């Protein structure tokens, strides 16, 4: 059985996904979680802290999903497995994805603490980019730039699918993944 803190986080996520962040109240969260309103304040001092903790919780969940088996295979296999998992995760119409868009860009949520958590949780991805640069096959860019060029398209494509704007064929997703991989590679110069 989930603990009360997790029940509160999931209830918050569900409410934000269905009603947006503006209408979020602690009473709604309490009702959805099946707890007394005062119980929420044992775990979170206010609504901002609740949303911040939800963001941290979601980041940990996403990292665990996309980075499972991150160390297996060649750099290309590892990259493509992570890319495809990001896409798979992002295209799902779950409360996690629907609520994340609501609060991910709030100024109070994008603070030093969140950046440090992201660095820690997604360290294997940075490691992959560092290995690629050290091997001389990836462009000598900051890992965040490599991520923006190669991994963010996975989420953008997933978002259009999740919103019902475009349905991609599996071969199109595979091609997009391959193109993203090639985007960050140093071209091999032909020898004459």
C-alpha atoms as a PDB file:
ATOM      1  CA  UNK A   1       0.000   0.000   0.000  1.00  0.00           C
ATOM      2  CA  UNK A   2       1.424   3.439  -0.893  1.00  0.00           C
ATOM      3  CA  UNK A   3       2.451   5.687   1.970  1.00  0.00           C
ATOM      4  CA  UNK A   4       0.547   8.908   2.650  1.00  0.00           C
ATOM      5  CA  UNK A   5       3.279  11.117   1.213  1.00  0.00           C
ATOM      6  CA  UNK A   6       3.135   9.222  -2.075  1.00  0.00           C
ATOM      7  CA  UNK A   7      -0.682   9.288  -2.066  1.00  0.00           C
ATOM      8  CA  UNK A   8      -0.533  13.076  -1.693  1.00  0.00           C
ATOM      9  CA  UNK A   9       1.999  13.403  -4.549  1.00  0.00           C
ATOM     10  CA  UNK A  10      -0.041  11.193  -6.890  1.00  0.00           C
ATOM     11  CA  UNK A  11      -3.239  13.082  -6.007  1.00  0.00           C
ATOM     12  CA  UNK A  12      -1.499  16.400  -6.734  1.00  0.00           C
ATOM     13  CA  UNK A  13      -0.236  15.060 -10.043  1.00  0.00           C
ATOM     14  CA  UNK A  14      -3.721  13.864 -11.027  1.00  0.00           C
ATOM     15  CA  UNK A  15      -5.372  17.187 -10.152  1.00  0.00           C
ATOM     16  CA  UNK A  16      -2.772  19.230 -12.035  1.00  0.00           C
ATOM     17  CA  UNK A  17      -3.110  16.917 -15.048  1.00  0.00           C
ATOM     18  CA  UNK A  18      -6.868  17.304 -15.204  1.00  0.00           C
ATOM     19  CA  UNK A  19      -7.495  20.842 -13.904  1.00  0.00           C
ATOM     20  CA  UNK A  20      -4.231  22.719 -14.250  1.00  0.00           C
ATOM     21  CA  UNK A  21      -1.984  24.181 -11.604  1.00  0.00           C
ATOM     22  CA  UNK A  22      -3.912  27.416 -11.045  1.00  0.00           C
ATOM     23  CA  UNK A  23      -6.872  25.675  -9.476  1.00  0.00           C
ATOM     24  CA  UNK A  24      -4.831  23.413  -7.220  1.00  0.00           C
ATOM     25  CA  UNK A  25      -5.861  23.649  -3.576  1.00  0.00           C
ATOM     26  CA  UNK A  26      -4.694  21.699  -0.585  1.00  0.00           C
ATOM     27  CA  UNK A  27      -8.311  20.706   0.130  1.00  0.00           C
ATOM     28  CA  UNK A  28      -8.629  19.197  -3.372  1.00  0.00           C
ATOM     29  CA  UNK A  29      -5.412  17.279  -2.802  1.00  0.00           C
ATOM     30  CA  UNK A  30      -6.646  16.026   0.549  1.00  0.00           C
ATOM     31  CA  UNK A  31      -9.952  14.889  -0.955  1.00  0.00           C
ATOM     32  CA  UNK A  32      -8.251  13.152  -3.893  1.00  0.00           C
ATOM     33  CA  UNK A  33      -5.671  11.471  -1.636  1.00  0.00           C
ATOM     34  CA  UNK A  34      -8.276  10.435   0.928  1.00  0.00           C
ATOM     35  CA  UNK A  35      -6.470  12.153   3.795  1.00  0.00           C
ATOM     36  CA  UNK A  36      -7.276  15.018   6.132  1.00  0.00           C
ATOM     37  CA  UNK A  37      -6.083  18.426   4.899  1.00  0.00           C
ATOM     38  CA  UNK A  38      -3.888  18.753   7.984  1.00  0.00           C
ATOM     39  CA  UNK A  39      -2.085  15.537   7.029  1.00  0.00           C
ATOM     40  CA  UNK A  40      -0.637  17.240   3.956  1.00  0.00           C
ATOM     41  CA  UNK A  41       1.106  19.804   6.157  1.00  0.00           C
ATOM     42  CA  UNK A  42       2.940  17.035   8.008  1.00  0.00           C
ATOM     43  CA  UNK A  43       4.762  16.297   4.742  1.00  0.00           C
ATOM     44  CA  UNK A  44       4.773  19.653   2.901  1.00  0.00           C
ATOM     45  CA  UNK A  45       4.870  23.150   4.413  1.00  0.00           C
ATOM     46  CA  UNK A  46       2.827  24.710   1.590  1.00  0.00           C
ATOM     47  CA  UNK A  47       1.615  24.310  -1.979  1.00  0.00           C
ATOM     48  CA  UNK A  48       4.933  25.468  -3.474  1.00  0.00           C
ATOM     49  CA  UNK A  49       6.863  22.839  -1.547  1.00  0.00           C
ATOM     50  CA  UNK A  50       4.326  20.201  -2.576  1.00  0.00           C
ATOM     51  CA  UNK A  51       4.798  21.098  -6.258  1.00  0.00           C
ATOM     52  CA  UNK A  52       8.598  21.185  -5.852  1.00  0.00           C
ATOM     53  CA  UNK A  53       8.580  17.744  -4.231  1.00  0.00           C
ATOM     54  CA  UNK A  54       6.317  16.441  -6.984  1.00  0.00           C
ATOM     55  CA  UNK A  55       8.819  17.677  -9.572  1.00  0.00           C
ATOM     56  CA  UNK A  56      11.674  15.911  -7.758  1.00  0.00           C
ATOM     57  CA  UNK A  57       9.606  12.738  -7.504  1.00  0.00           C
ATOM     58  CA  UNK A  58       8.755  12.807 -11.211  1.00  0.00           C
ATOM     59  CA  UNK A  59      12.379  13.468 -12.200  1.00  0.00           C
ATOM     60  CA  UNK A  60      13.477  10.418 -10.184  1.00  0.00           C
ATOM     61  CA  UNK A  61      10.755   8.302 -11.801  1.00  0.00           C
ATOM     62  CA  UNK A  62      11.676   9.441 -15.329  1.00  0.00           C
ATOM     63  CA  UNK A  63      15.410   8.922 -14.741  1.00  0.00           C
ATOM     64  CA  UNK A  64      14.847   5.408 -13.383  1.00  0.00           C
ATOM     65  CA  UNK A  65      12.733   4.509 -16.418  1.00  0.00           C
ATOM     66  CA  UNK A  66      14.885   5.918 -19.209  1.00  0.00           C
ATOM     67  CA  UNK A  67      18.260   5.029 -17.707  1.00  0.00           C
ATOM     68  CA  UNK A  68      17.509   1.415 -16.859  1.00  0.00           C
ATOM     69  CA  UNK A  69      20.249  -0.682 -18.516  1.00  0.00           C
ATOM     70  CA  UNK A  70      22.026   2.543 -19.575  1.00  0.00           C
ATOM     71  CA  UNK A  71      25.445   0.887 -19.307  1.00  0.00           C
ATOM     72  CA  UNK A  72      24.769  -2.032 -21.689  1.00  0.00           C
ATOM     73  CA  UNK A  73      26.099  -2.036 -25.247  1.00  0.00           C
ATOM     74  CA  UNK A  74      28.026   0.338 -27.459  1.00  0.00           C
ATOM     75  CA  UNK A  75      27.692   4.102 -27.187  1.00  0.00           C
ATOM     76  CA  UNK A  76      25.284   4.076 -30.121  1.00  0.00           C
ATOM     77  CA  UNK A  77      23.155   1.282 -28.629  1.00  0.00           C
ATOM     78  CA  UNK A  78      23.072   3.031 -25.263  1.00  0.00           C
ATOM     79  CA  UNK A  79      22.152   6.380 -26.828  1.00  0.00           C
ATOM     80  CA  UNK A  80      19.381   4.897 -28.956  1.00  0.00           C
ATOM     81  CA  UNK A  81      17.925   2.854 -26.080  1.00  0.00           C
ATOM     82  CA  UNK A  82      17.737   5.990 -23.895  1.00  0.00           C
ATOM     83  CA  UNK A  83      16.302   8.065 -26.773  1.00  0.00           C
ATOM     84  CA  UNK A  84      13.606   5.492 -27.521  1.00  0.00           C
ATOM     85  CA  UNK A  85      12.721   5.150 -23.836  1.00  0.00           C
ATOM     86  CA  UNK A  86      12.420   8.937 -23.560  1.00  0.00           C
ATOM     87  CA  UNK A  87      10.109   8.936 -26.546  1.00  0.00           C
ATOM     88  CA  UNK A  88       8.076   6.018 -25.219  1.00  0.00           C
ATOM     89  CA  UNK A  89       7.697   7.657 -21.822  1.00  0.00           C
ATOM     90  CA  UNK A  90       6.876  11.079 -23.240  1.00  0.00           C
ATOM     91  CA  UNK A  91       4.110   9.964 -25.585  1.00  0.00           C
ATOM     92  CA  UNK A  92       2.010   8.401 -22.831  1.00  0.00           C
ATOM     93  CA  UNK A  93      -1.047  10.357 -21.683  1.00  0.00           C
ATOM     94  CA  UNK A  94      -0.331   9.810 -18.007  1.00  0.00           C
ATOM     95  CA  UNK A  95      -0.945  12.215 -15.121  1.00  0.00           C
ATOM     96  CA  UNK A  96       2.851  12.443 -14.828  1.00  0.00           C
ATOM     97  CA  UNK A  97       3.271  13.792 -18.351  1.00  0.00           C
ATOM     98  CA  UNK A  98       0.167  15.946 -18.335  1.00  0.00           C
ATOM     99  CA  UNK A  99       0.997  17.569 -14.994  1.00  0.00           C
ATOM    100  CA  UNK A 100       4.709  17.995 -15.752  1.00  0.00           C
ATOM    101  CA  UNK A 101       3.974  20.455 -18.542  1.00  0.00           C
ATOM    102  CA  UNK A 102       1.946  22.554 -16.099  1.00  0.00           C
ATOM    103  CA  UNK A 103       4.667  23.115 -13.518  1.00  0.00           C
ATOM    104  CA  UNK A 104       8.011  22.414 -15.202  1.00  0.00           C
ATOM    105  CA  UNK A 105       8.543  26.026 -16.236  1.00  0.00           C
ATOM    106  CA  UNK A 106       7.490  27.767 -13.040  1.00  0.00           C
ATOM    107  CA  UNK A 107      10.361  29.991 -11.830  1.00  0.00           C
ATOM    108  CA  UNK A 108      10.199  28.691  -8.257  1.00  0.00           C
ATOM    109  CA  UNK A 109      10.481  25.122  -9.544  1.00  0.00           C
ATOM    110  CA  UNK A 110      13.581  25.774 -11.670  1.00  0.00           C
ATOM    111  CA  UNK A 111      16.039  26.483  -8.922  1.00  0.00           C
ATOM    112  CA  UNK A 112      19.556  25.405  -7.955  1.00  0.00           C
ATOM    113  CA  UNK A 113      18.252  22.445  -5.966  1.00  0.00           C
ATOM    114  CA  UNK A 114      16.354  21.068  -8.993  1.00  0.00           C
ATOM    115  CA  UNK A 115      19.356  21.606 -11.276  1.00  0.00           C
ATOM    116  CA  UNK A 116      21.574  19.671  -8.851  1.00  0.00           C
ATOM    117  CA  UNK A 117      19.040  16.851  -8.616  1.00  0.00           C
ATOM    118  CA  UNK A 118      18.843  16.679 -12.417  1.00  0.00           C
ATOM    119  CA  UNK A 119      22.649  16.534 -12.643  1.00  0.00           C
ATOM    120  CA  UNK A 120      22.736  13.656 -10.155  1.00  0.00           C
ATOM    121  CA  UNK A 121      19.795  11.682 -11.541  1.00  0.00           C
ATOM    122  CA  UNK A 122      20.853  12.028 -15.175  1.00  0.00           C
ATOM    123  CA  UNK A 123      24.611  11.579 -14.568  1.00  0.00           C
ATOM    124  CA  UNK A 124      24.675   8.418 -16.756  1.00  0.00           C
ATOM    125  CA  UNK A 125      23.536  10.502 -19.716  1.00  0.00           C
ATOM    126  CA  UNK A 126      26.322  13.026 -19.131  1.00  0.00           C
ATOM    127  CA  UNK A 127      28.716  10.091 -18.808  1.00  0.00           C
ATOM    128  CA  UNK A 128      27.582   8.769 -22.194  1.00  0.00           C
ATOM    129  CA  UNK A 129      28.285  12.146 -23.805  1.00  0.00           C
ATOM    130  CA  UNK A 130      31.640  12.437 -22.005  1.00  0.00           C
ATOM    131  CA  UNK A 131      32.629   8.962 -23.240  1.00  0.00           C
ATOM    132  CA  UNK A 132      31.653   9.887 -26.779  1.00  0.00           C
ATOM    133  CA  UNK A 133      33.743  13.055 -26.662  1.00  0.00           C
ATOM    134  CA  UNK A 134      36.699  11.241 -25.091  1.00  0.00           C
ATOM    135  CA  UNK A 135      36.510   8.616 -27.849  1.00  0.00           C
ATOM    136  CA  UNK A 136      36.608  11.409 -30.424  1.00  0.00           C
ATOM    137  CA  UNK A 137      33.293  10.485 -32.031  1.00  0.00           C
ATOM    138  CA  UNK A 138      31.003  13.168 -30.547  1.00  0.00           C
ATOM    139  CA  UNK A 139      31.142  16.900 -31.086  1.00  0.00           C
ATOM    140  CA  UNK A 140      33.125  18.775 -28.396  1.00  0.00           C
ATOM    141  CA  UNK A 141      30.093  20.513 -26.917  1.00  0.00           C
ATOM    142  CA  UNK A 142      28.849  20.866 -23.350  1.00  0.00           C
ATOM    143  CA  UNK A 143      26.729  17.817 -22.404  1.00  0.00           C
ATOM    144  CA  UNK A 144      23.646  20.050 -22.089  1.00  0.00           C
ATOM    145  CA  UNK A 145      24.117  21.198 -25.694  1.00  0.00           C
ATOM    146  CA  UNK A 146      24.553  17.599 -26.839  1.00  0.00           C
ATOM    147  CA  UNK A 147      21.379  16.720 -24.941  1.00  0.00           C
ATOM    148  CA  UNK A 148      19.452  19.625 -26.491  1.00  0.00           C
ATOM    149  CA  UNK A 149      20.518  18.654 -30.002  1.00  0.00           C
ATOM    150  CA  UNK A 150      20.013  14.929 -29.702  1.00  0.00           C
ATOM    151  CA  UNK A 151      17.617  13.998 -26.893  1.00  0.00           C
ATOM    152  CA  UNK A 152      15.116  16.864 -26.712  1.00  0.00           C
ATOM    153  CA  UNK A 153      13.676  15.931 -30.126  1.00  0.00           C
ATOM    154  CA  UNK A 154      12.573  12.608 -28.586  1.00  0.00           C
ATOM    155  CA  UNK A 155      10.370  14.509 -26.146  1.00  0.00           C
ATOM    156  CA  UNK A 156       9.144  17.001 -28.754  1.00  0.00           C
ATOM    157  CA  UNK A 157       8.068  14.185 -31.076  1.00  0.00           C
ATOM    158  CA  UNK A 158       6.470  12.346 -28.152  1.00  0.00           C
ATOM    159  CA  UNK A 159       4.581  15.479 -27.108  1.00  0.00           C
ATOM    160  CA  UNK A 160       2.979  15.852 -30.560  1.00  0.00           C
ATOM    161  CA  UNK A 161       1.904  12.206 -30.395  1.00  0.00           C
ATOM    162  CA  UNK A 162       0.546  12.594 -26.855  1.00  0.00           C
ATOM    163  CA  UNK A 163      -1.448  15.656 -27.905  1.00  0.00           C
ATOM    164  CA  UNK A 164      -2.922  13.754 -30.839  1.00  0.00           C
ATOM    165  CA  UNK A 165      -1.346  16.043 -33.426  1.00  0.00           C
ATOM    166  CA  UNK A 166       0.622  13.392 -35.330  1.00  0.00           C
ATOM    167  CA  UNK A 167       0.803   9.612 -35.252  1.00  0.00           C
ATOM    168  CA  UNK A 168       4.215   8.426 -36.373  1.00  0.00           C
ATOM    169  CA  UNK A 169       4.987   5.066 -37.903  1.00  0.00           C
ATOM    170  CA  UNK A 170       7.592   2.972 -36.027  1.00  0.00           C
ATOM    171  CA  UNK A 171      10.104   3.353 -38.889  1.00  0.00           C
ATOM    172  CA  UNK A 172       9.774   7.158 -38.629  1.00  0.00           C
ATOM    173  CA  UNK A 173      10.628   7.039 -34.914  1.00  0.00           C
ATOM    174  CA  UNK A 174      13.635   4.801 -35.627  1.00  0.00           C
ATOM    175  CA  UNK A 175      14.786   7.209 -38.346  1.00  0.00           C
ATOM    176  CA  UNK A 176      14.359  10.232 -36.070  1.00  0.00           C
ATOM    177  CA  UNK A 177      16.405   8.456 -33.388  1.00  0.00           C
ATOM    178  CA  UNK A 178      19.140   7.623 -35.883  1.00  0.00           C
ATOM    179  CA  UNK A 179      19.235  11.218 -37.164  1.00  0.00           C
ATOM    180  CA  UNK A 180      19.510  12.551 -33.616  1.00  0.00           C
ATOM    181  CA  UNK A 181      22.443  10.195 -32.998  1.00  0.00           C
ATOM    182  CA  UNK A 182      24.170  11.364 -36.183  1.00  0.00           C
ATOM    183  CA  UNK A 183      23.586  15.027 -35.281  1.00  0.00           C
ATOM    184  CA  UNK A 184      26.129  14.910 -32.475  1.00  0.00           C
ATOM    185  CA  UNK A 185      28.765  12.764 -34.198  1.00  0.00           C
ATOM    186  CA  UNK A 186      31.932  14.152 -35.653  1.00  0.00           C
ATOM    187  CA  UNK A 187      31.776  13.347 -39.374  1.00  0.00           C
ATOM    188  CA  UNK A 188      34.331  10.822 -40.524  1.00  0.00           C
ATOM    189  CA  UNK A 189      36.481  12.363 -43.205  1.00  0.00           C
ATOM    190  CA  UNK A 190      37.044  10.113 -46.214  1.00  0.00           C
ATOM    191  CA  UNK A 191      40.604   9.089 -46.832  1.00  0.00           C
ATOM    192  CA  UNK A 192      41.932   9.268 -50.384  1.00  0.00           C
END
